[in-house]
C-alpha atoms as a PDB file:
ATOM      1  CA  MET A   1       5.741  -0.583 -11.607  1.00  0.00           C
ATOM      2  CA  ARG A   2       5.839  -4.333 -10.955  1.00  0.00           C
ATOM      3  CA  ILE A   3       3.075  -5.941  -8.888  1.00  0.00           C
ATOM      4  CA  LYS A   4       3.337  -9.604  -7.967  1.00  0.00           C
ATOM      5  CA  LEU A   5      -0.034 -11.338  -7.752  1.00  0.00           C
ATOM      6  CA  ILE A   6       0.339 -14.528  -5.721  1.00  0.00           C
ATOM      7  CA  ASN A   7      -2.311 -17.222  -5.881  1.00  0.00           C
ATOM      8  CA  PRO A   8      -1.395 -19.237  -2.757  1.00  0.00           C
ATOM      9  CA  ASN A   9      -2.790 -22.468  -4.203  1.00  0.00           C
ATOM     10  CA  THR A  10      -1.021 -24.476  -6.898  1.00  0.00           C
ATOM     11  CA  THR A  11      -3.775 -24.497  -9.558  1.00  0.00           C
ATOM     12  CA  GLN A  12      -2.170 -22.684 -12.474  1.00  0.00           C
ATOM     13  CA  ARG A  13      -5.354 -22.298 -14.572  1.00  0.00           C
ATOM     14  CA  MET A  14      -6.876 -20.292 -11.733  1.00  0.00           C
ATOM     15  CA  THR A  15      -3.749 -18.140 -11.537  1.00  0.00           C
ATOM     16  CA  ASP A  16      -3.939 -17.473 -15.280  1.00  0.00           C
ATOM     17  CA  ALA A  17      -7.578 -16.360 -14.971  1.00  0.00           C
ATOM     18  CA  MET A  18      -6.724 -13.969 -12.125  1.00  0.00           C
ATOM     19  CA  SER A  19      -3.810 -12.629 -14.136  1.00  0.00           C
ATOM     20  CA  HIS A  20      -6.105 -11.836 -17.058  1.00  0.00           C
ATOM     21  CA  CYS A  21      -8.553  -9.984 -14.790  1.00  0.00           C
ATOM     22  CA  ALA A  22      -5.761  -8.006 -13.110  1.00  0.00           C
ATOM     23  CA  ARG A  23      -4.097  -6.994 -16.372  1.00  0.00           C
ATOM     24  CA  ASN A  24      -7.410  -5.647 -17.667  1.00  0.00           C
ATOM     25  CA  VAL A  25      -7.577  -3.004 -14.915  1.00  0.00           C
ATOM     26  CA  VAL A  26      -3.997  -1.814 -14.312  1.00  0.00           C
ATOM     27  CA  ALA A  27      -2.421   1.204 -15.974  1.00  0.00           C
ATOM     28  CA  SER A  28      -0.371   0.709 -19.134  1.00  0.00           C
ATOM     29  CA  GLY A  29       2.931   1.104 -17.287  1.00  0.00           C
ATOM     30  CA  THR A  30       2.117  -1.514 -14.619  1.00  0.00           C
ATOM     31  CA  GLU A  31       3.400  -5.065 -14.996  1.00  0.00           C
ATOM     32  CA  VAL A  32       1.442  -7.829 -13.236  1.00  0.00           C
ATOM     33  CA  ILE A  33       3.494 -10.930 -12.423  1.00  0.00           C
ATOM     34  CA  ALA A  34       1.039 -13.711 -11.553  1.00  0.00           C
ATOM     35  CA  VAL A  35       2.394 -16.842  -9.875  1.00  0.00           C
ATOM     36  CA  SER A  36       1.440 -19.953  -7.945  1.00  0.00           C
ATOM     37  CA  PRO A  37       3.814 -21.536  -5.411  1.00  0.00           C
ATOM     38  CA  THR A  38       5.563 -24.745  -6.356  1.00  0.00           C
ATOM     39  CA  MET A  39       4.367 -26.378  -3.126  1.00  0.00           C
ATOM     40  CA  GLY A  40       1.090 -26.451  -1.250  1.00  0.00           C
ATOM     41  CA  PRO A  41      -2.578 -27.375  -1.684  1.00  0.00           C
ATOM     42  CA  PRO A  42      -4.418 -27.160  -5.033  1.00  0.00           C
ATOM     43  CA  SER A  43      -7.218 -25.228  -3.326  1.00  0.00           C
ATOM     44  CA  ILE A  44      -7.600 -23.469   0.027  1.00  0.00           C
ATOM     45  CA  GLU A  45     -10.793 -24.414   1.846  1.00  0.00           C
ATOM     46  CA  GLY A  46      -9.931 -24.392   5.533  1.00  0.00           C
ATOM     47  CA  TYR A  47      -7.342 -23.455   8.135  1.00  0.00           C
ATOM     48  CA  TYR A  48      -5.174 -26.509   7.449  1.00  0.00           C
ATOM     49  CA  ASP A  49      -4.983 -25.624   3.758  1.00  0.00           C
ATOM     50  CA  GLU A  50      -4.154 -22.029   4.681  1.00  0.00           C
ATOM     51  CA  ALA A  51      -1.338 -23.078   7.011  1.00  0.00           C
ATOM     52  CA  LEU A  52       0.302 -25.319   4.417  1.00  0.00           C
ATOM     53  CA  ALA A  53      -0.136 -22.737   1.646  1.00  0.00           C
ATOM     54  CA  THR A  54       1.700 -20.062   3.632  1.00  0.00           C
ATOM     55  CA  PRO A  55       5.330 -21.274   3.230  1.00  0.00           C
ATOM     56  CA  GLY A  56       5.010 -21.330  -0.564  1.00  0.00           C
ATOM     57  CA  LEU A  57       3.386 -17.896  -0.488  1.00  0.00           C
ATOM     58  CA  LEU A  58       6.201 -16.444   1.621  1.00  0.00           C
ATOM     59  CA  ALA A  59       8.799 -17.973  -0.691  1.00  0.00           C
ATOM     60  CA  GLU A  60       7.160 -16.101  -3.578  1.00  0.00           C
ATOM     61  CA  VAL A  61       7.242 -12.830  -1.619  1.00  0.00           C
ATOM     62  CA  ALA A  62      10.929 -13.373  -0.848  1.00  0.00           C
ATOM     63  CA  ALA A  63      11.593 -14.065  -4.528  1.00  0.00           C
ATOM     64  CA  GLY A  64       9.701 -10.899  -5.410  1.00  0.00           C
ATOM     65  CA  GLU A  65      11.921  -8.890  -3.096  1.00  0.00           C
ATOM     66  CA  ARG A  66      15.002 -10.228  -4.868  1.00  0.00           C
ATOM     67  CA  GLU A  67      13.402  -9.466  -8.247  1.00  0.00           C
ATOM     68  CA  GLY A  68      12.559  -5.871  -7.325  1.00  0.00           C
ATOM     69  CA  CYS A  69       8.766  -6.119  -7.178  1.00  0.00           C
ATOM     70  CA  ASP A  70       7.041  -2.976  -5.903  1.00  0.00           C
ATOM     71  CA  GLY A  71       4.025  -4.560  -4.196  1.00  0.00           C
ATOM     72  CA  TYR A  72       2.058  -7.764  -3.708  1.00  0.00           C
ATOM     73  CA  VAL A  73      -1.483  -9.109  -3.831  1.00  0.00           C
ATOM     74  CA  ILE A  74      -2.417 -12.251  -1.874  1.00  0.00           C
ATOM     75  CA  ALA A  75      -5.084 -13.751  -4.116  1.00  0.00           C
ATOM     76  CA  CYS A  76      -7.014 -15.979  -1.737  1.00  0.00           C
ATOM     77  CA  PHE A  77     -10.077 -14.777   0.163  1.00  0.00           C
ATOM     78  CA  GLY A  78      -8.723 -16.061   3.474  1.00  0.00           C
ATOM     79  CA  ASP A  79      -5.792 -13.618   3.106  1.00  0.00           C
ATOM     80  CA  PRO A  80      -3.367 -16.332   4.325  1.00  0.00           C
ATOM     81  CA  GLY A  81       0.042 -15.219   5.528  1.00  0.00           C
ATOM     82  CA  LEU A  82      -0.843 -11.539   5.048  1.00  0.00           C
ATOM     83  CA  TYR A  83       0.921 -10.152   8.109  1.00  0.00           C
ATOM     84  CA  ALA A  84       3.954 -12.420   7.677  1.00  0.00           C
ATOM     85  CA  ALA A  85       4.228 -11.265   4.058  1.00  0.00           C
ATOM     86  CA  ARG A  86       4.254  -7.655   5.256  1.00  0.00           C
ATOM     87  CA  GLU A  87       7.251  -8.444   7.451  1.00  0.00           C
ATOM     88  CA  LEU A  88       9.161  -9.588   4.365  1.00  0.00           C
ATOM     89  CA  ALA A  89       8.071  -6.962   1.854  1.00  0.00           C
ATOM     90  CA  ARG A  90       9.318  -3.432   1.401  1.00  0.00           C
ATOM     91  CA  GLY A  91       6.278  -2.388  -0.610  1.00  0.00           C
ATOM     92  CA  PRO A  92       2.566  -2.727   0.169  1.00  0.00           C
ATOM     93  CA  VAL A  93       0.920  -6.154   0.533  1.00  0.00           C
ATOM     94  CA  ILE A  94      -2.862  -6.368   0.211  1.00  0.00           C
ATOM     95  CA  GLY A  95      -5.157  -9.358   0.700  1.00  0.00           C
ATOM     96  CA  ILE A  96      -8.163  -9.688  -1.570  1.00  0.00           C
ATOM     97  CA  ALA A  97     -10.711 -10.043   1.243  1.00  0.00           C
ATOM     98  CA  GLU A  98      -9.312  -6.916   2.881  1.00  0.00           C
ATOM     99  CA  ALA A  99      -9.548  -5.009  -0.409  1.00  0.00           C
ATOM    100  CA  ALA A 100     -12.985  -6.234  -1.431  1.00  0.00           C
ATOM    101  CA  MET A 101     -14.615  -5.485   1.920  1.00  0.00           C
ATOM    102  CA  HIS A 102     -13.183  -1.970   2.072  1.00  0.00           C
ATOM    103  CA  VAL A 103     -14.300  -1.218  -1.489  1.00  0.00           C
ATOM    104  CA  ALA A 104     -17.792  -2.556  -0.766  1.00  0.00           C
ATOM    105  CA  SER A 105     -18.069  -0.413   2.374  1.00  0.00           C
ATOM    106  CA  VAL A 106     -17.442   2.700   0.262  1.00  0.00           C
ATOM    107  CA  LEU A 107     -19.896   1.778  -2.491  1.00  0.00           C
ATOM    108  CA  ALA A 108     -22.803   0.602  -0.329  1.00  0.00           C
ATOM    109  CA  PRO A 109     -24.068   0.850   3.261  1.00  0.00           C
ATOM    110  CA  GLY A 110     -24.181  -2.943   3.512  1.00  0.00           C
ATOM    111  CA  PHE A 111     -22.810  -5.902   1.591  1.00  0.00           C
ATOM    112  CA  SER A 112     -23.076  -9.687   1.556  1.00  0.00           C
ATOM    113  CA  VAL A 113     -20.181 -12.047   0.941  1.00  0.00           C
ATOM    114  CA  VAL A 114     -21.000 -14.952  -1.386  1.00  0.00           C
ATOM    115  CA  THR A 115     -18.401 -17.643  -0.974  1.00  0.00           C
ATOM    116  CA  THR A 116     -17.775 -21.320  -1.697  1.00  0.00           C
ATOM    117  CA  LEU A 117     -18.172 -23.914   1.073  1.00  0.00           C
ATOM    118  CA  GLU A 118     -20.185 -23.541   4.289  1.00  0.00           C
ATOM    119  CA  ARG A 119     -17.078 -24.381   6.337  1.00  0.00           C
ATOM    120  CA  THR A 120     -15.404 -21.141   5.172  1.00  0.00           C
ATOM    121  CA  CYS A 121     -18.216 -18.790   6.282  1.00  0.00           C
ATOM    122  CA  ASN A 122     -16.878 -18.257   9.799  1.00  0.00           C
ATOM    123  CA  MET A 123     -13.439 -17.583   8.320  1.00  0.00           C
ATOM    124  CA  ALA A 124     -14.971 -14.712   6.324  1.00  0.00           C
ATOM    125  CA  TRP A 125     -16.765 -13.377   9.411  1.00  0.00           C
ATOM    126  CA  HIS A 126     -13.485 -13.408  11.338  1.00  0.00           C
ATOM    127  CA  LEU A 127     -11.832 -11.378   8.576  1.00  0.00           C
ATOM    128  CA  ALA A 128     -14.712  -8.868   8.551  1.00  0.00           C
ATOM    129  CA  GLU A 129     -14.209  -8.377  12.290  1.00  0.00           C
ATOM    130  CA  ARG A 130     -10.422  -8.096  11.940  1.00  0.00           C
ATOM    131  CA  TYR A 131     -10.718  -5.405   9.264  1.00  0.00           C
ATOM    132  CA  GLY A 132     -13.438  -3.417  11.049  1.00  0.00           C
ATOM    133  CA  MET A 133     -15.941  -4.378   8.350  1.00  0.00           C
ATOM    134  CA  LYS A 134     -18.389  -6.387  10.430  1.00  0.00           C
ATOM    135  CA  ARG A 135     -20.759  -3.415  10.764  1.00  0.00           C
ATOM    136  CA  PHE A 136     -21.074  -3.287   6.959  1.00  0.00           C
ATOM    137  CA  CYS A 137     -21.278  -7.047   6.375  1.00  0.00           C
ATOM    138  CA  ARG A 138     -24.935  -8.097   6.366  1.00  0.00           C
ATOM    139  CA  ASN A 139     -24.307 -11.800   5.743  1.00  0.00           C
ATOM    140  CA  VAL A 140     -21.832 -14.427   4.550  1.00  0.00           C
ATOM    141  CA  ARG A 141     -23.520 -16.949   2.280  1.00  0.00           C
ATOM    142  CA  ALA A 142     -22.169 -20.303   1.079  1.00  0.00           C
ATOM    143  CA  THR A 143     -22.911 -21.770  -2.325  1.00  0.00           C
ATOM    144  CA  ASP A 144     -21.362 -25.163  -1.465  1.00  0.00           C
ATOM    145  CA  VAL A 145     -19.446 -24.917  -4.729  1.00  0.00           C
ATOM    146  CA  ALA A 146     -15.933 -26.267  -4.166  1.00  0.00           C
ATOM    147  CA  VAL A 147     -13.076 -24.032  -5.311  1.00  0.00           C
ATOM    148  CA  LEU A 148     -11.881 -26.493  -7.944  1.00  0.00           C
ATOM    149  CA  GLU A 149     -15.419 -26.738  -9.315  1.00  0.00           C
ATOM    150  CA  LEU A 150     -15.054 -23.122 -10.458  1.00  0.00           C
ATOM    151  CA  ASP A 151     -12.260 -24.295 -12.728  1.00  0.00           C
ATOM    152  CA  ARG A 152     -14.135 -27.219 -14.318  1.00  0.00           C
ATOM    153  CA  PRO A 153     -15.504 -26.700 -17.866  1.00  0.00           C
ATOM    154  CA  GLY A 154     -19.251 -27.209 -18.034  1.00  0.00           C
ATOM    155  CA  SER A 155     -19.704 -26.696 -14.302  1.00  0.00           C
ATOM    156  CA  ALA A 156     -23.001 -25.250 -13.020  1.00  0.00           C
ATOM    157  CA  ALA A 157     -20.993 -23.050 -10.630  1.00  0.00           C
ATOM    158  CA  ARG A 158     -21.718 -19.778 -12.476  1.00  0.00           C
ATOM    159  CA  GLN A 159     -25.486 -20.144 -12.236  1.00  0.00           C
ATOM    160  CA  ILE A 160     -25.362 -21.334  -8.626  1.00  0.00           C
ATOM    161  CA  ILE A 161     -23.258 -18.322  -7.615  1.00  0.00           C
ATOM    162  CA  LEU A 162     -25.466 -15.881  -9.536  1.00  0.00           C
ATOM    163  CA  ASP A 163     -28.617 -17.271  -7.908  1.00  0.00           C
ATOM    164  CA  GLU A 164     -27.052 -16.959  -4.432  1.00  0.00           C
ATOM    165  CA  CYS A 165     -25.991 -13.367  -5.148  1.00  0.00           C
ATOM    166  CA  ARG A 166     -29.535 -12.534  -6.177  1.00  0.00           C
ATOM    167  CA  ARG A 167     -30.896 -14.072  -2.957  1.00  0.00           C
ATOM    168  CA  ALA A 168     -28.351 -12.071  -0.948  1.00  0.00           C
ATOM    169  CA  LEU A 169     -29.643  -8.784  -2.339  1.00  0.00           C
ATOM    170  CA  ASP A 170     -33.264  -9.788  -1.779  1.00  0.00           C
ATOM    171  CA  GLU A 171     -33.000 -11.430   1.645  1.00  0.00           C
ATOM    172  CA  ASP A 172     -30.087  -9.692   3.420  1.00  0.00           C
ATOM    173  CA  ALA A 173     -31.035  -6.078   2.664  1.00  0.00           C
ATOM    174  CA  SER A 174     -27.609  -5.776   1.059  1.00  0.00           C
ATOM    175  CA  ASP A 175     -26.779  -3.280  -1.656  1.00  0.00           C
ATOM    176  CA  ALA A 176     -23.531  -4.849  -2.903  1.00  0.00           C
ATOM    177  CA  ILE A 177     -21.950  -8.276  -3.277  1.00  0.00           C
ATOM    178  CA  VAL A 178     -18.414  -9.315  -2.357  1.00  0.00           C
ATOM    179  CA  LEU A 179     -17.281 -12.431  -4.200  1.00  0.00           C
ATOM    180  CA  GLY A 180     -15.694 -14.602  -1.517  1.00  0.00           C
ATOM    181  CA  CYS A 181     -13.185 -16.547  -3.604  1.00  0.00           C
ATOM    182  CA  ALA A 182     -10.355 -15.508  -5.914  1.00  0.00           C
ATOM    183  CA  GLY A 183     -11.523 -18.161  -8.358  1.00  0.00           C
ATOM    184  CA  MET A 184     -14.707 -16.110  -8.906  1.00  0.00           C
ATOM    185  CA  ALA A 185     -12.763 -13.140 -10.301  1.00  0.00           C
ATOM    186  CA  GLU A 186     -13.654 -13.791 -13.923  1.00  0.00           C
ATOM    187  CA  LEU A 187     -17.380 -13.958 -13.047  1.00  0.00           C
ATOM    188  CA  CYS A 188     -17.515 -10.459 -11.562  1.00  0.00           C
ATOM    189  CA  GLU A 189     -18.587  -8.419 -14.581  1.00  0.00           C
ATOM    190  CA  GLU A 190     -21.118 -11.011 -15.723  1.00  0.00           C
ATOM    191  CA  ILE A 191     -22.755 -11.172 -12.278  1.00  0.00           C
ATOM    192  CA  GLY A 192     -22.716  -7.391 -11.853  1.00  0.00           C
ATOM    193  CA  ASN A 193     -24.455  -6.899 -15.201  1.00  0.00           C
ATOM    194  CA  ALA A 194     -27.073  -9.511 -14.329  1.00  0.00           C
ATOM    195  CA  LEU A 195     -27.808  -8.029 -10.896  1.00  0.00           C
ATOM    196  CA  GLY A 196     -27.582  -4.317 -11.640  1.00  0.00           C
ATOM    197  CA  ALA A 197     -25.738  -3.848  -8.335  1.00  0.00           C
ATOM    198  CA  PRO A 198     -22.075  -3.395  -7.355  1.00  0.00           C
ATOM    199  CA  VAL A 199     -20.225  -6.729  -7.368  1.00  0.00           C
ATOM    200  CA  ILE A 200     -16.679  -6.582  -6.046  1.00  0.00           C
ATOM    201  CA  ASP A 201     -13.912  -8.978  -6.969  1.00  0.00           C
ATOM    202  CA  GLY A 202     -11.040  -8.717  -4.502  1.00  0.00           C
ATOM    203  CA  VAL A 203      -8.340  -9.572  -7.049  1.00  0.00           C
ATOM    204  CA  THR A 204      -8.844  -6.474  -9.177  1.00  0.00           C
ATOM    205  CA  ALA A 205      -9.638  -4.303  -6.141  1.00  0.00           C
ATOM    206  CA  ALA A 206      -6.396  -5.353  -4.423  1.00  0.00           C
ATOM    207  CA  VAL A 207      -4.286  -4.863  -7.553  1.00  0.00           C
ATOM    208  CA  LYS A 208      -5.572  -1.307  -7.996  1.00  0.00           C
ATOM    209  CA  TRP A 209      -5.058  -0.545  -4.300  1.00  0.00           C
ATOM    210  CA  VAL A 210      -1.445  -1.734  -4.452  1.00  0.00           C
ATOM    211  CA  GLU A 211      -0.945   0.236  -7.651  1.00  0.00           C
ATOM    212  CA  ALA A 212      -2.247   3.403  -5.974  1.00  0.00           C
ATOM    213  CA  LEU A 213      -0.074   2.957  -2.869  1.00  0.00           C
ATOM    214  CA  VAL A 214       3.063   2.411  -4.954  1.00  0.00           C
ATOM    215  CA  ALA A 215       2.216   5.464  -7.073  1.00  0.00           C
ATOM    216  CA  LEU A 216       1.954   7.455  -3.829  1.00  0.00           C
ATOM    217  CA  ARG A 217       5.431   6.147  -2.894  1.00  0.00           C
ATOM    218  CA  LEU A 218       4.108   4.526   0.246  1.00  0.00           C
ATOM    219  CA  ALA A 219       5.726   1.414   1.684  1.00  0.00           C
ATOM    220  CA  THR A 220       5.110  -1.037   4.518  1.00  0.00           C
ATOM    221  CA  ALA A 221       6.239   0.203   7.933  1.00  0.00           C
ATOM    222  CA  LYS A 222       9.444  -1.453   9.103  1.00  0.00           C
ATOM    223  CA  ARG A 223       9.079  -0.930  12.818  1.00  0.00           C
ATOM    224  CA  GLY A 224       6.712  -2.606  15.258  1.00  0.00           C
ATOM    225  CA  ASP A 225       4.597  -5.521  14.034  1.00  0.00           C
ATOM    226  CA  TYR A 226       5.814  -5.384  10.420  1.00  0.00           C
ATOM    227  CA  ALA A 227       9.536  -5.112  11.205  1.00  0.00           C
ATOM    228  CA  ARG A 228      11.653  -7.663   9.351  1.00  0.00           C
ATOM    229  CA  PRO A 229      11.718 -11.172  10.862  1.00  0.00           C
ATOM    230  CA  LEU A 230      14.316 -11.692  13.582  1.00  0.00           C
ATOM    231  CA  SER A 231      17.452 -13.439  12.394  1.00  0.00           C
ATOM    232  CA  LYS A 232      17.604 -17.046  13.565  1.00  0.00           C
ATOM    233  CA  GLN A 233      18.291 -20.540  12.252  1.00  0.00           C
ATOM    234  CA  TYR A 234      15.231 -22.692  11.601  1.00  0.00           C
ATOM    235  CA  ASP A 235      15.354 -26.478  11.816  1.00  0.00           C
ATOM    236  CA  GLY A 236      14.442 -29.388   9.557  1.00  0.00           C
ATOM    237  CA  VAL A 237      12.553 -28.784   6.307  1.00  0.00           C
ATOM    238  CA  PHE A 238      12.222 -25.087   7.168  1.00  0.00           C
ATOM    239  CA  ALA A 239      15.986 -24.479   7.358  1.00  0.00           C
ATOM    240  CA  SER A 240      15.932 -22.651   4.015  1.00  0.00           C
ATOM    241  CA  PHE A 241      13.315 -20.246   5.406  1.00  0.00           C
ATOM    242  CA  SER A 242      15.701 -18.987   8.104  1.00  0.00           C
ATOM    243  CA  PRO A 243      15.644 -15.183   8.121  1.00  0.00           C
ATOM    244  CA  THR A 244      18.973 -13.344   8.007  1.00  0.00           C
ATOM    245  CA  PRO A 245      19.801  -9.633   8.377  1.00  0.00           C
ATOM    246  CA  THR A 246      20.484  -9.248   4.647  1.00  0.00           C
ATOM    247  CA  SER A 247      17.931 -11.639   3.156  1.00  0.00           C
ATOM    248  CA  PRO A 248      14.622 -12.420   4.894  1.00  0.00           C
ATOM    249  CA  LEU A 249      14.465 -15.893   3.304  1.00  0.00           C
ATOM    250  CA  ASN A 250      17.003 -18.023   1.505  1.00  0.00           C
ATOM    251  CA  VAL A 251      14.419 -20.058  -0.457  1.00  0.00           C
END
């Protein structure tokens, strides 16, 4: 089984950390291929970043289809380009926010999301509503730690995030924590041990979900909303993204 884990930002150190976390949880016969696009923002902290990260993400999905990948994880908590990726992919595509919220809803009656910047809180609420998770989500809390700060040696980010998680359990009447950024993946076990409560990292949750779906021989529906993109010629810098009947993208 080959699962492609796509970090939609271009920060390779973050991709390497996610890859390590993912490889620690998959079965021995599962290969995790972790990549960053060659184009796009170094971090995703708003809708503009998401929009400009999506072409590079879709190019990686298209490459995965040519390489015979069995499924995909979109490793950004905004789940950018998720539905478009499902149009391209034969196998399952899971976003880490989608995975983390569903796992948390099984493990606890209520969870809090602890994320990075205040400006991304409403984005997380919108995702909770989209996935039918709003009734389980007690709060979305910002740490005001920038995504790239998670990657800086000597940063106080770990302690700030841990303190906010502890406040979430005490003040929100939550029983579990969802880490609201893929860059927090490597902090999950440490925070869970410190809190004594379930702490869910969407990267590992999504990888295991994809692995299970592939093992069940389930694939993405190819009729209705997730049918392959309609064949047409795109203009300008997006010409290479033009979908064709035989190859969804030529990039």
